[in-house]
N, C-alpha and C. Protein backbone atom coordinates (compact mmCIF):
# COMPACT_ATOMS: atom_id res chain seq x y z
N UNK A 1 113.02 77.58 63.70
CA UNK A 1 114.35 78.13 63.97
C UNK A 1 114.29 79.14 65.12
N UNK A 2 113.24 79.96 65.12
CA UNK A 2 113.10 80.96 66.17
C UNK A 2 112.92 80.30 67.53
N UNK A 3 112.20 79.15 67.56
CA UNK A 3 111.97 78.47 68.82
C UNK A 3 113.26 77.83 69.34
N UNK A 4 114.08 77.32 68.43
CA UNK A 4 115.37 76.75 68.82
C UNK A 4 116.26 77.84 69.40
N UNK A 5 116.26 79.00 68.76
CA UNK A 5 117.05 80.13 69.25
C UNK A 5 116.55 80.58 70.61
N UNK A 6 115.23 80.56 70.80
CA UNK A 6 114.64 80.97 72.08
C UNK A 6 115.08 80.04 73.20
N UNK A 7 114.99 78.73 72.94
CA UNK A 7 115.39 77.77 73.97
C UNK A 7 116.89 77.85 74.26
N UNK A 8 117.69 78.03 73.21
CA UNK A 8 119.14 78.15 73.40
C UNK A 8 119.48 79.39 74.21
N UNK A 9 118.78 80.50 73.94
CA UNK A 9 119.02 81.73 74.69
C UNK A 9 118.65 81.55 76.15
N UNK A 10 117.55 80.83 76.40
CA UNK A 10 117.14 80.57 77.78
C UNK A 10 118.21 79.77 78.53
N UNK A 11 118.70 78.71 77.91
CA UNK A 11 119.69 77.86 78.57
C UNK A 11 121.00 78.61 78.79
N UNK A 12 121.44 79.37 77.78
CA UNK A 12 122.69 80.13 77.93
C UNK A 12 122.54 81.18 79.02
N UNK A 13 121.39 81.86 79.03
CA UNK A 13 121.16 82.87 80.07
C UNK A 13 121.16 82.26 81.46
N UNK A 14 120.55 81.07 81.60
CA UNK A 14 120.50 80.42 82.90
C UNK A 14 121.89 79.96 83.34
N UNK A 15 122.67 79.41 82.41
CA UNK A 15 124.02 78.93 82.74
C UNK A 15 124.95 80.10 83.09
N UNK A 16 124.84 81.19 82.34
CA UNK A 16 125.67 82.36 82.64
C UNK A 16 125.30 82.95 84.00
N UNK A 17 124.00 82.97 84.29
CA UNK A 17 123.56 83.46 85.61
C UNK A 17 124.05 82.54 86.72
N UNK A 18 124.03 81.24 86.47
CA UNK A 18 124.53 80.28 87.47
C UNK A 18 126.01 80.50 87.72
N UNK A 19 126.77 80.71 86.64
CA UNK A 19 128.21 80.98 86.79
C UNK A 19 128.44 82.25 87.61
N UNK A 20 127.70 83.29 87.29
CA UNK A 20 127.85 84.54 88.04
C UNK A 20 127.48 84.39 89.51
N UNK A 21 126.43 83.60 89.78
CA UNK A 21 126.00 83.40 91.17
C UNK A 21 127.07 82.65 91.97
N UNK A 22 127.65 81.61 91.37
CA UNK A 22 128.70 80.85 92.06
C UNK A 22 129.92 81.74 92.33
N UNK A 23 130.31 82.52 91.33
CA UNK A 23 131.46 83.42 91.51
C UNK A 23 131.15 84.50 92.54
N UNK A 24 129.90 84.93 92.62
CA UNK A 24 129.52 85.92 93.62
C UNK A 24 129.67 85.36 95.03
N UNK A 25 129.30 84.11 95.22
CA UNK A 25 129.47 83.47 96.53
C UNK A 25 130.95 83.34 96.87
N UNK A 26 131.75 82.95 95.88
CA UNK A 26 133.20 82.84 96.11
C UNK A 26 133.78 84.19 96.49
N UNK A 27 133.34 85.24 95.80
CA UNK A 27 133.83 86.58 96.10
C UNK A 27 133.49 87.00 97.52
N UNK A 28 132.30 86.63 97.98
CA UNK A 28 131.85 87.03 99.31
C UNK A 28 132.78 86.51 100.40
N UNK A 29 133.26 85.29 100.27
CA UNK A 29 134.03 84.65 101.34
C UNK A 29 135.53 84.60 101.06
N UNK A 30 135.96 85.01 99.89
CA UNK A 30 137.39 84.96 99.58
C UNK A 30 138.12 86.11 100.30
N UNK A 31 139.17 85.81 101.07
CA UNK A 31 139.87 86.86 101.83
C UNK A 31 140.93 87.58 100.99
N UNK A 32 140.60 87.93 99.78
CA UNK A 32 141.58 88.58 98.89
C UNK A 32 140.97 89.81 98.22
N UNK A 33 140.20 90.60 98.97
CA UNK A 33 139.67 91.83 98.41
C UNK A 33 140.77 92.88 98.28
N UNK A 34 141.72 92.87 99.23
CA UNK A 34 142.87 93.78 99.19
C UNK A 34 144.14 92.99 99.47
N UNK A 35 145.22 93.39 98.82
CA UNK A 35 146.53 92.78 99.03
C UNK A 35 147.52 93.84 99.49
N UNK A 36 148.45 93.41 100.34
CA UNK A 36 149.46 94.34 100.87
C UNK A 36 150.79 93.62 100.93
N UNK A 37 151.80 94.21 100.28
CA UNK A 37 153.16 93.67 100.32
C UNK A 37 154.04 94.62 101.12
N UNK A 38 154.82 94.07 102.05
CA UNK A 38 155.68 94.87 102.91
C UNK A 38 157.10 94.85 102.37
N UNK A 39 157.66 96.04 102.15
CA UNK A 39 159.05 96.13 101.67
C UNK A 39 160.04 95.68 102.74
N UNK A 40 159.68 95.89 104.01
CA UNK A 40 160.58 95.52 105.09
C UNK A 40 160.61 94.02 105.32
N UNK A 41 159.56 93.34 104.92
CA UNK A 41 159.50 91.89 105.09
C UNK A 41 158.86 91.29 103.85
N UNK A 42 159.70 90.98 102.88
CA UNK A 42 159.19 90.45 101.62
C UNK A 42 158.76 88.99 101.72
N UNK A 43 158.96 88.39 102.87
CA UNK A 43 158.58 87.00 103.06
C UNK A 43 157.08 86.85 103.35
N UNK A 44 156.41 87.98 103.65
CA UNK A 44 155.00 87.93 104.02
C UNK A 44 154.17 88.85 103.14
N UNK A 45 152.98 88.39 102.82
CA UNK A 45 151.98 89.20 102.12
C UNK A 45 150.69 89.20 102.93
N UNK A 46 150.08 90.37 103.04
CA UNK A 46 148.83 90.50 103.79
C UNK A 46 147.66 90.60 102.82
N UNK A 47 146.56 89.98 103.19
CA UNK A 47 145.33 90.07 102.40
C UNK A 47 144.18 90.41 103.33
N UNK A 48 143.16 91.06 102.78
CA UNK A 48 141.98 91.43 103.56
C UNK A 48 140.72 91.11 102.76
N UNK A 49 139.76 90.51 103.45
CA UNK A 49 138.46 90.24 102.85
C UNK A 49 137.36 90.90 103.65
N UNK A 50 136.15 90.44 103.47
CA UNK A 50 135.02 90.99 104.20
C UNK A 50 134.92 90.42 105.61
N UNK A 51 135.63 89.31 105.86
CA UNK A 51 135.45 88.62 107.13
C UNK A 51 136.73 88.50 107.93
N UNK A 52 137.87 88.60 107.29
CA UNK A 52 139.11 88.35 108.00
C UNK A 52 140.31 88.93 107.25
N UNK A 53 141.40 89.03 107.97
CA UNK A 53 142.69 89.38 107.38
C UNK A 53 143.60 88.16 107.48
N UNK A 54 144.46 87.99 106.49
CA UNK A 54 145.34 86.83 106.44
C UNK A 54 146.77 87.25 106.16
N UNK A 55 147.70 86.46 106.67
CA UNK A 55 149.12 86.64 106.40
C UNK A 55 149.59 85.40 105.65
N UNK A 56 150.11 85.61 104.44
CA UNK A 56 150.59 84.51 103.61
C UNK A 56 152.11 84.57 103.59
N UNK A 57 152.74 83.51 104.07
CA UNK A 57 154.20 83.44 104.12
C UNK A 57 154.74 82.79 102.86
N UNK A 58 155.97 83.10 102.55
CA UNK A 58 156.55 82.62 101.29
C UNK A 58 156.64 81.10 101.26
N UNK A 59 156.78 80.48 102.42
CA UNK A 59 156.88 79.02 102.47
C UNK A 59 155.57 78.32 102.19
N UNK A 60 154.48 79.06 102.07
CA UNK A 60 153.19 78.45 101.77
C UNK A 60 152.22 78.47 102.93
N UNK A 61 152.69 78.89 104.11
CA UNK A 61 151.80 78.95 105.26
C UNK A 61 150.86 80.14 105.18
N UNK A 62 149.70 80.00 105.82
CA UNK A 62 148.69 81.05 105.80
C UNK A 62 147.98 81.08 107.13
N UNK A 63 147.95 82.24 107.76
CA UNK A 63 147.27 82.43 109.03
C UNK A 63 146.23 83.53 108.88
N UNK A 64 145.03 83.27 109.33
CA UNK A 64 143.93 84.23 109.18
C UNK A 64 143.34 84.55 110.55
N UNK A 65 142.84 85.76 110.67
CA UNK A 65 142.18 86.21 111.90
C UNK A 65 140.89 86.92 111.53
N UNK A 66 139.80 86.46 112.12
CA UNK A 66 138.50 87.07 111.86
C UNK A 66 138.42 88.45 112.50
N UNK A 67 137.62 89.32 111.89
CA UNK A 67 137.42 90.64 112.47
C UNK A 67 136.65 90.51 113.78
N UNK A 68 137.08 91.28 114.78
CA UNK A 68 136.47 91.17 116.11
C UNK A 68 135.07 91.75 116.16
N UNK A 69 134.83 92.84 115.47
CA UNK A 69 133.55 93.52 115.58
C UNK A 69 133.08 94.00 114.22
N UNK A 70 131.80 93.80 113.95
CA UNK A 70 131.22 94.28 112.70
C UNK A 70 131.18 95.80 112.67
N UNK A 71 130.85 96.42 113.81
CA UNK A 71 130.72 97.87 113.87
C UNK A 71 132.07 98.57 113.77
N UNK A 72 133.15 97.86 114.07
CA UNK A 72 134.48 98.48 114.01
C UNK A 72 135.05 98.49 112.59
N UNK A 73 134.38 97.83 111.67
CA UNK A 73 134.87 97.77 110.29
C UNK A 73 134.65 99.10 109.58
N UNK A 74 135.44 99.38 108.56
CA UNK A 74 135.16 100.57 107.72
C UNK A 74 133.79 100.44 107.06
N UNK A 75 133.20 101.58 106.74
CA UNK A 75 131.84 101.58 106.20
C UNK A 75 131.73 100.76 104.92
N UNK A 76 132.77 100.82 104.05
CA UNK A 76 132.67 100.10 102.79
C UNK A 76 132.64 98.58 102.98
N UNK A 77 133.31 98.08 104.02
CA UNK A 77 133.30 96.65 104.28
C UNK A 77 131.99 96.21 104.92
N UNK A 78 131.45 97.04 105.80
CA UNK A 78 130.17 96.69 106.43
C UNK A 78 129.05 96.62 105.40
N UNK A 79 128.96 97.65 104.58
CA UNK A 79 127.89 97.67 103.57
C UNK A 79 128.14 96.62 102.49
N UNK A 80 129.40 96.34 102.20
CA UNK A 80 129.71 95.31 101.20
C UNK A 80 129.23 93.94 101.66
N UNK A 81 129.36 93.65 102.95
CA UNK A 81 128.84 92.39 103.46
C UNK A 81 127.34 92.27 103.19
N UNK A 82 126.61 93.31 103.52
CA UNK A 82 125.15 93.28 103.35
C UNK A 82 124.78 93.15 101.88
N UNK A 83 125.44 93.92 101.03
CA UNK A 83 125.10 93.90 99.61
C UNK A 83 125.46 92.56 98.96
N UNK A 84 126.57 91.97 99.38
CA UNK A 84 126.95 90.67 98.80
C UNK A 84 125.98 89.58 99.24
N UNK A 85 125.54 89.62 100.50
CA UNK A 85 124.51 88.67 100.94
C UNK A 85 123.23 88.87 100.13
N UNK A 86 122.85 90.13 99.92
CA UNK A 86 121.65 90.42 99.14
C UNK A 86 121.81 89.93 97.70
N UNK A 87 122.98 90.12 97.13
CA UNK A 87 123.25 89.66 95.77
C UNK A 87 123.12 88.14 95.66
N UNK A 88 123.68 87.44 96.63
CA UNK A 88 123.61 85.98 96.61
C UNK A 88 122.17 85.49 96.73
N UNK A 89 121.40 86.15 97.60
CA UNK A 89 119.99 85.76 97.75
C UNK A 89 119.17 86.03 96.51
N UNK A 90 119.36 87.21 95.91
CA UNK A 90 118.63 87.54 94.69
C UNK A 90 119.04 86.63 93.54
N UNK A 91 120.32 86.31 93.47
CA UNK A 91 120.78 85.40 92.41
C UNK A 91 120.16 84.03 92.53
N UNK A 92 120.06 83.52 93.76
CA UNK A 92 119.45 82.21 93.96
C UNK A 92 117.97 82.23 93.57
N UNK A 93 117.26 83.27 93.99
CA UNK A 93 115.85 83.38 93.63
C UNK A 93 115.68 83.51 92.11
N UNK A 94 116.58 84.26 91.47
CA UNK A 94 116.51 84.41 90.03
C UNK A 94 116.68 83.09 89.31
N UNK A 95 117.63 82.28 89.76
CA UNK A 95 117.84 80.96 89.15
C UNK A 95 116.63 80.05 89.38
N UNK A 96 116.08 80.09 90.57
CA UNK A 96 114.94 79.24 90.90
C UNK A 96 113.72 79.61 90.08
N UNK A 97 113.41 80.90 90.02
CA UNK A 97 112.22 81.36 89.31
C UNK A 97 112.35 81.14 87.81
N UNK A 98 113.49 81.53 87.25
CA UNK A 98 113.68 81.39 85.80
C UNK A 98 113.74 79.93 85.38
N UNK A 99 114.19 79.04 86.28
CA UNK A 99 114.22 77.61 85.96
C UNK A 99 112.83 77.06 85.68
N UNK A 100 111.83 77.53 86.43
CA UNK A 100 110.46 77.09 86.19
C UNK A 100 109.85 77.72 84.95
N UNK A 101 110.49 78.75 84.42
CA UNK A 101 109.96 79.40 83.22
C UNK A 101 110.57 78.91 81.93
N UNK A 102 111.49 77.95 81.99
CA UNK A 102 112.12 77.44 80.78
C UNK A 102 111.14 76.64 79.93
N UNK A 103 111.26 76.79 78.61
CA UNK A 103 110.38 76.04 77.70
C UNK A 103 110.66 74.55 77.73
N UNK A 104 111.92 74.18 78.02
CA UNK A 104 112.27 72.76 78.01
C UNK A 104 111.73 72.03 79.25
N UNK A 105 111.22 72.77 80.22
CA UNK A 105 110.64 72.16 81.41
C UNK A 105 109.17 71.80 81.13
N UNK A 106 108.82 70.56 81.37
CA UNK A 106 107.48 70.06 81.06
C UNK A 106 106.41 70.65 81.97
N UNK A 107 106.80 71.09 83.15
CA UNK A 107 105.82 71.61 84.10
C UNK A 107 105.20 72.89 83.57
N UNK A 108 103.88 72.98 83.59
CA UNK A 108 103.17 74.18 83.18
C UNK A 108 103.20 74.45 81.69
N UNK A 109 103.19 73.39 80.87
CA UNK A 109 103.23 73.59 79.42
C UNK A 109 102.00 74.36 78.91
N UNK A 110 100.88 74.19 79.56
CA UNK A 110 99.66 74.84 79.10
C UNK A 110 99.52 76.28 79.61
N UNK A 111 100.46 76.71 80.42
CA UNK A 111 100.41 78.07 80.98
C UNK A 111 101.63 78.86 80.49
N UNK A 112 101.64 79.11 79.20
CA UNK A 112 102.78 79.81 78.59
C UNK A 112 102.92 81.24 79.10
N UNK A 113 101.80 81.89 79.35
CA UNK A 113 101.88 83.27 79.86
C UNK A 113 102.53 83.31 81.24
N UNK A 114 102.20 82.33 82.09
CA UNK A 114 102.80 82.27 83.42
C UNK A 114 104.29 81.98 83.32
N UNK A 115 104.67 81.07 82.42
CA UNK A 115 106.09 80.74 82.26
C UNK A 115 106.87 81.95 81.74
N UNK A 116 106.23 82.73 80.87
CA UNK A 116 106.89 83.95 80.37
C UNK A 116 107.10 84.94 81.51
N UNK A 117 106.11 85.10 82.37
CA UNK A 117 106.24 86.01 83.50
C UNK A 117 107.32 85.53 84.47
N UNK A 118 107.40 84.22 84.69
CA UNK A 118 108.44 83.68 85.56
C UNK A 118 109.82 83.92 84.97
N UNK A 119 109.95 83.77 83.66
CA UNK A 119 111.24 83.99 83.00
C UNK A 119 111.66 85.45 83.09
N UNK A 120 110.71 86.34 82.90
CA UNK A 120 111.01 87.78 83.02
C UNK A 120 111.42 88.12 84.45
N UNK A 121 110.66 87.60 85.43
CA UNK A 121 110.98 87.87 86.83
C UNK A 121 112.34 87.31 87.20
N UNK A 122 112.64 86.10 86.73
CA UNK A 122 113.96 85.52 87.00
C UNK A 122 115.08 86.33 86.38
N UNK A 123 114.85 86.85 85.16
CA UNK A 123 115.86 87.69 84.52
C UNK A 123 116.09 88.98 85.27
N UNK A 124 115.00 89.59 85.75
CA UNK A 124 115.11 90.83 86.51
C UNK A 124 115.85 90.60 87.83
N UNK A 125 115.56 89.48 88.49
CA UNK A 125 116.25 89.16 89.74
C UNK A 125 117.74 88.92 89.51
N UNK A 126 118.08 88.22 88.45
CA UNK A 126 119.50 87.99 88.14
C UNK A 126 120.20 89.30 87.79
N UNK A 127 119.52 90.13 87.02
CA UNK A 127 120.08 91.44 86.65
C UNK A 127 120.31 92.29 87.89
N UNK A 128 119.34 92.31 88.79
CA UNK A 128 119.47 93.07 90.04
C UNK A 128 120.58 92.50 90.92
N UNK A 129 120.70 91.18 90.93
CA UNK A 129 121.76 90.54 91.69
C UNK A 129 123.14 90.96 91.18
N UNK A 130 123.27 91.06 89.86
CA UNK A 130 124.55 91.49 89.28
C UNK A 130 124.90 92.92 89.67
N UNK A 131 123.91 93.81 89.59
CA UNK A 131 124.16 95.21 89.98
C UNK A 131 124.53 95.29 91.46
N UNK A 132 123.83 94.49 92.29
CA UNK A 132 124.10 94.50 93.73
C UNK A 132 125.49 93.97 94.05
N UNK A 133 126.03 93.10 93.20
CA UNK A 133 127.39 92.60 93.39
C UNK A 133 128.43 93.59 92.88
N UNK A 134 128.11 94.31 91.82
CA UNK A 134 129.07 95.26 91.25
C UNK A 134 129.28 96.48 92.15
N UNK A 135 128.24 96.87 92.87
CA UNK A 135 128.34 98.08 93.71
C UNK A 135 129.39 97.94 94.80
N UNK A 136 129.36 96.91 95.66
CA UNK A 136 130.38 96.83 96.71
C UNK A 136 131.79 96.60 96.19
N UNK A 137 131.91 95.79 95.13
CA UNK A 137 133.24 95.54 94.56
C UNK A 137 133.84 96.83 94.02
N UNK A 138 133.04 97.59 93.29
CA UNK A 138 133.52 98.84 92.73
C UNK A 138 133.79 99.88 93.81
N UNK A 139 132.99 99.87 94.87
CA UNK A 139 133.18 100.83 95.96
C UNK A 139 134.49 100.57 96.69
N UNK A 140 134.75 99.29 97.02
CA UNK A 140 136.01 98.94 97.69
C UNK A 140 137.20 99.28 96.78
N UNK A 141 137.06 99.03 95.49
CA UNK A 141 138.14 99.37 94.55
C UNK A 141 138.37 100.88 94.52
N UNK A 142 137.28 101.66 94.55
CA UNK A 142 137.41 103.12 94.54
C UNK A 142 138.12 103.62 95.80
N UNK A 143 137.74 103.09 96.96
CA UNK A 143 138.38 103.48 98.22
C UNK A 143 139.87 103.09 98.20
N UNK A 144 140.17 101.92 97.64
CA UNK A 144 141.56 101.47 97.58
C UNK A 144 142.40 102.40 96.73
N UNK A 145 141.86 102.84 95.59
CA UNK A 145 142.58 103.77 94.72
C UNK A 145 142.79 105.11 95.42
N UNK A 146 141.74 105.59 96.09
CA UNK A 146 141.86 106.86 96.81
C UNK A 146 142.95 106.81 97.88
N UNK A 147 142.97 105.72 98.66
CA UNK A 147 143.96 105.61 99.72
C UNK A 147 145.36 105.39 99.15
N UNK A 148 145.44 104.73 98.00
CA UNK A 148 146.76 104.47 97.40
C UNK A 148 147.42 105.78 96.96
N UNK A 149 146.63 106.71 96.44
CA UNK A 149 147.18 107.97 95.93
C UNK A 149 146.99 109.13 96.91
N UNK A 150 146.64 108.82 98.15
CA UNK A 150 146.46 109.86 99.16
C UNK A 150 147.81 110.45 99.54
N UNK A 151 148.02 111.71 99.22
CA UNK A 151 149.31 112.35 99.49
C UNK A 151 149.50 112.69 100.96
N UNK A 152 148.43 112.67 101.74
CA UNK A 152 148.57 112.96 103.16
C UNK A 152 149.17 111.80 103.95
N UNK A 153 149.18 110.61 103.35
CA UNK A 153 149.76 109.43 104.00
C UNK A 153 151.24 109.37 103.67
N UNK A 154 152.12 109.26 104.64
CA UNK A 154 153.57 109.18 104.36
C UNK A 154 153.91 108.02 103.44
N UNK A 155 154.89 108.22 102.58
CA UNK A 155 155.24 107.19 101.60
C UNK A 155 155.80 105.93 102.24
N UNK A 156 156.29 106.05 103.45
CA UNK A 156 156.87 104.88 104.10
C UNK A 156 155.80 103.86 104.51
N UNK A 157 154.55 104.31 104.62
CA UNK A 157 153.46 103.43 105.01
C UNK A 157 153.01 102.61 103.80
N UNK A 158 152.95 101.28 103.92
CA UNK A 158 152.52 100.44 102.79
C UNK A 158 151.08 100.75 102.38
N UNK A 159 150.78 100.54 101.11
CA UNK A 159 149.44 100.82 100.59
C UNK A 159 148.78 99.50 100.15
N UNK A 160 147.48 99.43 100.41
CA UNK A 160 146.70 98.28 99.94
C UNK A 160 146.49 98.40 98.44
N UNK A 161 146.45 97.25 97.77
CA UNK A 161 146.21 97.19 96.33
C UNK A 161 145.06 96.23 96.04
N UNK A 162 144.64 96.18 94.77
CA UNK A 162 143.53 95.31 94.38
C UNK A 162 143.87 93.84 94.64
N UNK A 163 142.89 93.13 95.19
CA UNK A 163 143.03 91.70 95.37
C UNK A 163 142.28 90.93 94.30
N UNK A 164 142.52 89.63 94.25
CA UNK A 164 141.91 88.80 93.21
C UNK A 164 140.39 88.77 93.32
N UNK A 165 139.86 88.91 94.54
CA UNK A 165 138.41 88.83 94.73
C UNK A 165 137.68 89.96 94.00
N UNK A 166 138.31 91.11 93.88
CA UNK A 166 137.65 92.22 93.18
C UNK A 166 137.42 91.88 91.72
N UNK A 167 138.41 91.27 91.08
CA UNK A 167 138.26 90.92 89.67
C UNK A 167 137.24 89.79 89.49
N UNK A 168 137.24 88.84 90.42
CA UNK A 168 136.22 87.78 90.37
C UNK A 168 134.83 88.38 90.57
N UNK A 169 134.74 89.35 91.49
CA UNK A 169 133.45 89.99 91.74
C UNK A 169 132.94 90.77 90.54
N UNK A 170 133.84 91.47 89.84
CA UNK A 170 133.43 92.17 88.63
C UNK A 170 132.92 91.19 87.57
N UNK A 171 133.64 90.10 87.40
CA UNK A 171 133.23 89.10 86.42
C UNK A 171 131.89 88.48 86.82
N UNK A 172 131.71 88.23 88.12
CA UNK A 172 130.44 87.67 88.60
C UNK A 172 129.29 88.62 88.34
N UNK A 173 129.49 89.92 88.65
CA UNK A 173 128.43 90.89 88.45
C UNK A 173 128.03 91.02 87.00
N UNK A 174 129.01 91.12 86.11
CA UNK A 174 128.69 91.25 84.68
C UNK A 174 128.06 89.97 84.14
N UNK A 175 128.45 88.82 84.68
CA UNK A 175 127.84 87.55 84.24
C UNK A 175 126.37 87.51 84.64
N UNK A 176 126.05 87.96 85.86
CA UNK A 176 124.66 87.98 86.30
C UNK A 176 123.83 88.96 85.48
N UNK A 177 124.41 90.11 85.18
CA UNK A 177 123.69 91.09 84.35
C UNK A 177 123.46 90.54 82.95
N UNK A 178 124.48 89.92 82.37
CA UNK A 178 124.35 89.34 81.03
C UNK A 178 123.34 88.20 81.03
N UNK A 179 123.42 87.33 82.04
CA UNK A 179 122.48 86.21 82.11
C UNK A 179 121.05 86.69 82.25
N UNK A 180 120.82 87.67 83.11
CA UNK A 180 119.47 88.22 83.26
C UNK A 180 118.96 88.87 82.00
N UNK A 181 119.84 89.56 81.28
CA UNK A 181 119.44 90.20 80.02
C UNK A 181 119.06 89.16 78.98
N UNK A 182 119.81 88.07 78.91
CA UNK A 182 119.49 87.00 77.96
C UNK A 182 118.15 86.35 78.29
N UNK A 183 117.89 86.15 79.57
CA UNK A 183 116.60 85.57 79.97
C UNK A 183 115.45 86.49 79.58
N UNK A 184 115.61 87.77 79.77
CA UNK A 184 114.55 88.71 79.39
C UNK A 184 114.37 88.77 77.88
N UNK A 185 115.48 88.71 77.14
CA UNK A 185 115.38 88.69 75.66
C UNK A 185 114.66 87.44 75.19
N UNK A 186 114.96 86.30 75.83
CA UNK A 186 114.29 85.05 75.44
C UNK A 186 112.81 85.11 75.78
N UNK A 187 112.46 85.73 76.90
CA UNK A 187 111.05 85.82 77.29
C UNK A 187 110.26 86.71 76.33
N UNK A 188 110.91 87.71 75.78
CA UNK A 188 110.22 88.65 74.88
C UNK A 188 110.20 88.17 73.43
N UNK A 189 110.90 87.07 73.12
CA UNK A 189 110.89 86.55 71.76
C UNK A 189 109.65 85.70 71.55
N UNK A 190 109.54 85.11 70.36
CA UNK A 190 108.35 84.32 70.01
C UNK A 190 108.20 83.15 70.97
N UNK A 191 106.98 82.93 71.44
CA UNK A 191 106.72 81.86 72.38
C UNK A 191 106.60 80.52 71.67
N UNK A 192 106.85 79.47 72.45
CA UNK A 192 106.70 78.13 71.91
C UNK A 192 105.24 77.83 71.63
N UNK A 193 104.94 77.05 70.57
CA UNK A 193 103.55 76.71 70.29
C UNK A 193 103.00 75.77 71.34
N UNK A 194 101.69 75.68 71.49
CA UNK A 194 101.11 74.75 72.47
C UNK A 194 101.53 73.33 72.19
N UNK A 195 101.39 72.49 73.19
CA UNK A 195 101.75 71.09 73.03
C UNK A 195 100.85 70.44 71.98
N UNK A 196 101.33 69.29 71.43
CA UNK A 196 100.60 68.65 70.34
C UNK A 196 99.20 68.24 70.78
N UNK A 197 99.01 67.95 72.06
CA UNK A 197 97.71 67.57 72.55
C UNK A 197 96.69 68.68 72.40
N UNK A 198 97.16 69.92 72.43
CA UNK A 198 96.24 71.04 72.27
C UNK A 198 95.63 71.05 70.87
N UNK A 199 96.49 70.75 69.87
CA UNK A 199 95.98 70.71 68.50
C UNK A 199 94.95 69.59 68.33
N UNK A 200 95.18 68.47 68.98
CA UNK A 200 94.25 67.34 68.87
C UNK A 200 92.90 67.71 69.45
N UNK A 201 92.89 68.34 70.60
CA UNK A 201 91.63 68.75 71.22
C UNK A 201 90.91 69.76 70.36
N UNK A 202 91.66 70.73 69.80
CA UNK A 202 91.05 71.76 68.97
C UNK A 202 90.44 71.15 67.71
N UNK A 203 91.15 70.18 67.10
CA UNK A 203 90.63 69.55 65.88
C UNK A 203 89.37 68.75 66.18
N UNK A 204 89.34 68.07 67.33
CA UNK A 204 88.15 67.30 67.68
C UNK A 204 86.95 68.23 67.89
N UNK A 205 87.18 69.38 68.49
CA UNK A 205 86.09 70.32 68.69
C UNK A 205 85.57 70.85 67.37
N UNK A 206 86.49 71.09 66.40
CA UNK A 206 86.06 71.59 65.09
C UNK A 206 85.19 70.55 64.36
N UNK A 207 85.60 69.28 64.47
CA UNK A 207 84.84 68.25 63.80
C UNK A 207 83.47 68.06 64.43
N UNK A 208 83.35 68.28 65.71
CA UNK A 208 82.06 68.08 66.39
C UNK A 208 81.08 69.21 66.13
N UNK A 209 81.58 70.34 65.72
CA UNK A 209 80.69 71.50 65.49
C UNK A 209 80.02 71.41 64.12
């Protein structure tokens, strides 16, 4: 029963990490980190992402313009680009490494200690990837709240609000953290017994002695 639970925890951890990694990639390129609605022109909504700003018209049209310069961006957007790229890379490595450490994978059945180390490393990478994704999303959200309630800005000037990408990014980060934690829990639980061939070899040696 413990071995079944261990394998199930490994698979669930890997699938949750995969979900978080995919959502993290979507968050990186989705141009909806911030939303802006204009009272003077309710027919248009503005959105901002890490790479471009877009104008969404009520009729369904959408026009986007890429940022001209990386250095001209606000600090939170520049660092968010770097951290999201780092999160995506760490998440991919975590999935790759932990995949080779699964008990259901036939490769390396006789090297259980190595598979345990791979599973732990993959869990740590996924966990780190989740934290790296949560930092930029939370930072941009914090700056947005600060600017929204900034009393020095005249009330006539429209304020940016949370976009859908921030919520997707939070879900992605927590999924990666949860997936990495499950992988580490599975690695620290009871290990699978050696393959049946190991018992046969051991029994033959006992009989020969």
